[in-house]
Amino acid sequence: MHKHIDLNNFAEGALLERVNMEIGKVLENIQDMNTDATKKRKVTITLEIEPNDRRELANVVSSVKSTLVPTTAVSASLMIGHDGRQVIGRELKSAMPGQYMVDVDSGEIVNDDGSKVEEQTESTVIDFRKTK
C-alpha cells in the first residue's frame, strides 16, 4: 500500500497539532463534573481536496473539530414581585416563599432568599401576664 500523505507531518505538523488540541478539549470535557460522563464525544478530521483543472495539483484544506457533551441543566426557583417601582426577582433558597431558614455555614437566621434577617429593635412579643 502506498503512503500518499503522512498525516503526522502534513501541513508542517499543523494537522496533528490541531488533532491533539481537539482531543485535549474532549478529555477536559470528560473530566468536567457538569457533563454526563457516559455520553460519547467525537473528534472529526476533514480533508477537502480541490484539484486544479489539469489534475496535477490539489489544494487540501484540513479541519479538525470536536463534538463535546453540553453541561447538564441546572434549575432553581425564582420569586417574582414588585418593590413599589419595578419588577424584581430573587432566587428562592428556602422550601417556600416567606419562610426563614438557618444558614448552614454561619448558623444565622436568613430570609427565604438567603439574605441576612435585619434585627428588630422593638420587640413584638406581648406579655399577657402584664395585661390585667
Protein backbone atom coordinates (compact mmCIF):
# COMPACT_ATOMS: atom_id res chain seq x y z
CA MET A 1 0.00 0.00 0.00
CA HIS A 2 1.37 3.39 -1.00
CA LYS A 3 1.73 6.11 1.57
CA HIS A 4 0.25 9.17 -0.13
CA ILE A 5 0.15 11.65 2.73
CA ASP A 6 1.96 11.48 6.07
CA LEU A 7 -0.71 12.91 8.39
CA ASN A 8 1.83 13.24 11.21
CA ASN A 9 3.76 15.85 9.21
CA PHE A 10 1.02 17.18 6.94
CA ALA A 11 0.94 21.00 6.65
CA GLU A 12 4.17 21.16 8.63
CA GLY A 13 2.60 19.29 11.55
CA ALA A 14 -0.35 21.69 11.88
CA LEU A 15 -2.94 18.95 11.30
CA LEU A 16 -1.53 16.74 14.07
CA GLU A 17 -1.27 19.76 16.37
CA ARG A 18 -4.96 20.53 15.84
CA VAL A 19 -5.95 16.90 16.35
CA ASN A 20 -4.12 16.89 19.69
CA MET A 21 -5.75 20.19 20.64
CA GLU A 22 -9.26 18.84 19.95
CA ILE A 23 -8.51 15.60 21.80
CA GLY A 24 -7.44 17.78 24.75
CA LYS A 25 -10.83 19.53 24.62
CA VAL A 26 -12.58 16.16 24.63
CA LEU A 27 -10.55 14.97 27.63
CA GLU A 28 -11.30 18.19 29.51
CA ASN A 29 -15.00 17.75 28.71
CA ILE A 30 -14.93 14.18 30.02
CA GLN A 31 -13.39 15.39 33.30
CA ASP A 32 -15.97 18.20 33.68
CA MET A 33 -18.28 17.12 36.52
CA ASN A 34 -21.07 19.24 34.99
CA THR A 35 -21.35 16.95 31.93
CA ASP A 36 -22.82 13.47 31.50
CA ALA A 37 -19.87 11.11 31.97
CA THR A 38 -21.18 8.29 29.77
CA LYS A 39 -22.17 10.23 26.64
CA LYS A 40 -19.94 9.88 23.58
CA ARG A 41 -17.64 12.65 22.40
CA LYS A 42 -16.28 12.87 18.85
CA VAL A 43 -13.24 14.25 17.01
CA THR A 44 -13.75 14.73 13.27
CA ILE A 45 -10.91 15.28 10.80
CA THR A 46 -11.98 16.65 7.42
CA LEU A 47 -9.71 16.86 4.40
CA GLU A 48 -11.18 18.85 1.50
CA ILE A 49 -9.21 18.14 -1.66
CA GLU A 50 -9.76 20.53 -4.57
CA PRO A 51 -7.79 19.61 -7.70
CA ASN A 52 -6.95 22.11 -10.42
CA ASP A 53 -8.40 21.71 -13.91
CA ARG A 54 -5.30 19.90 -15.19
CA ARG A 55 -5.47 17.41 -12.29
CA GLU A 56 -1.81 17.84 -11.46
CA LEU A 57 -2.13 19.87 -8.23
CA ALA A 58 -4.69 19.94 -5.48
CA ASN A 59 -5.37 22.35 -2.70
CA VAL A 60 -6.00 20.49 0.57
CA VAL A 61 -7.84 22.23 3.36
CA SER A 62 -7.84 20.33 6.63
CA SER A 63 -10.06 20.99 9.58
CA VAL A 64 -10.47 19.27 12.91
CA LYS A 65 -13.43 19.72 15.19
CA SER A 66 -14.69 18.09 18.33
CA THR A 67 -18.24 17.40 19.41
CA LEU A 68 -18.48 17.78 23.16
CA VAL A 69 -21.21 16.93 25.63
CA PRO A 70 -23.02 20.05 26.88
CA THR A 71 -23.18 20.82 30.56
CA THR A 72 -26.18 19.44 32.41
CA ALA A 73 -29.09 21.77 33.02
CA VAL A 74 -29.44 23.45 36.40
CA SER A 75 -32.77 24.65 37.76
CA ALA A 76 -33.78 26.89 40.63
CA SER A 77 -36.96 28.62 41.79
CA LEU A 78 -37.33 32.35 41.24
CA MET A 79 -39.59 34.56 43.36
CA ILE A 80 -41.07 37.39 41.32
CA GLY A 81 -42.65 40.53 42.73
CA HIS A 82 -42.67 44.35 42.88
CA ASP A 83 -40.72 46.67 45.15
CA GLY A 84 -43.12 49.56 44.51
CA ARG A 85 -41.20 50.87 41.48
CA GLN A 86 -40.11 47.92 39.39
CA VAL A 87 -40.40 44.16 38.99
CA ILE A 88 -37.78 42.23 40.95
CA GLY A 89 -36.73 38.60 41.02
CA ARG A 90 -34.84 36.69 43.70
CA GLU A 91 -33.82 33.07 43.92
CA LEU A 92 -35.86 31.06 46.43
CA LYS A 93 -33.46 29.23 48.72
CA SER A 94 -35.85 28.04 51.43
CA ALA A 95 -38.62 25.48 50.97
CA MET A 96 -41.29 28.13 50.37
CA PRO A 97 -41.61 31.93 49.99
CA GLY A 98 -41.65 33.85 53.28
CA GLN A 99 -40.02 31.06 55.25
CA TYR A 100 -36.95 31.76 57.37
CA MET A 101 -34.13 29.22 57.50
CA VAL A 102 -30.80 28.63 59.18
CA ASP A 103 -27.70 29.29 57.07
CA VAL A 104 -25.66 26.09 57.31
CA ASP A 105 -22.32 27.88 57.02
CA SER A 106 -22.87 30.70 59.51
CA GLY A 107 -25.69 29.35 61.72
CA GLU A 108 -27.58 32.65 61.30
CA ILE A 109 -31.29 33.01 60.57
CA VAL A 110 -31.77 34.17 56.97
CA ASN A 111 -34.69 35.08 54.69
CA ASP A 112 -36.11 32.84 52.01
CA ASP A 113 -33.58 34.25 49.52
CA GLY A 114 -30.57 33.65 51.80
CA SER A 115 -30.11 37.30 52.84
CA LYS A 116 -29.46 38.12 56.48
CA VAL A 117 -32.53 38.96 58.58
CA GLU A 118 -32.42 42.51 59.90
CA GLU A 119 -32.66 42.59 63.68
CA GLN A 120 -35.79 44.14 65.10
CA THR A 121 -35.17 46.95 67.58
CA GLU A 122 -38.66 46.81 69.09
CA SER A 123 -40.00 43.55 70.47
CA THR A 124 -43.32 42.37 69.08
CA VAL A 125 -43.80 39.81 71.86
CA ILE A 126 -46.82 40.59 74.03
CA ASP A 127 -46.59 39.56 77.67
CA PHE A 128 -50.19 38.67 78.53
CA ARG A 129 -49.32 38.44 82.25
CA LYS A 130 -48.91 42.23 82.29
CA THR A 131 -52.32 42.99 80.70
CA LYS A 132 -54.55 42.81 83.84
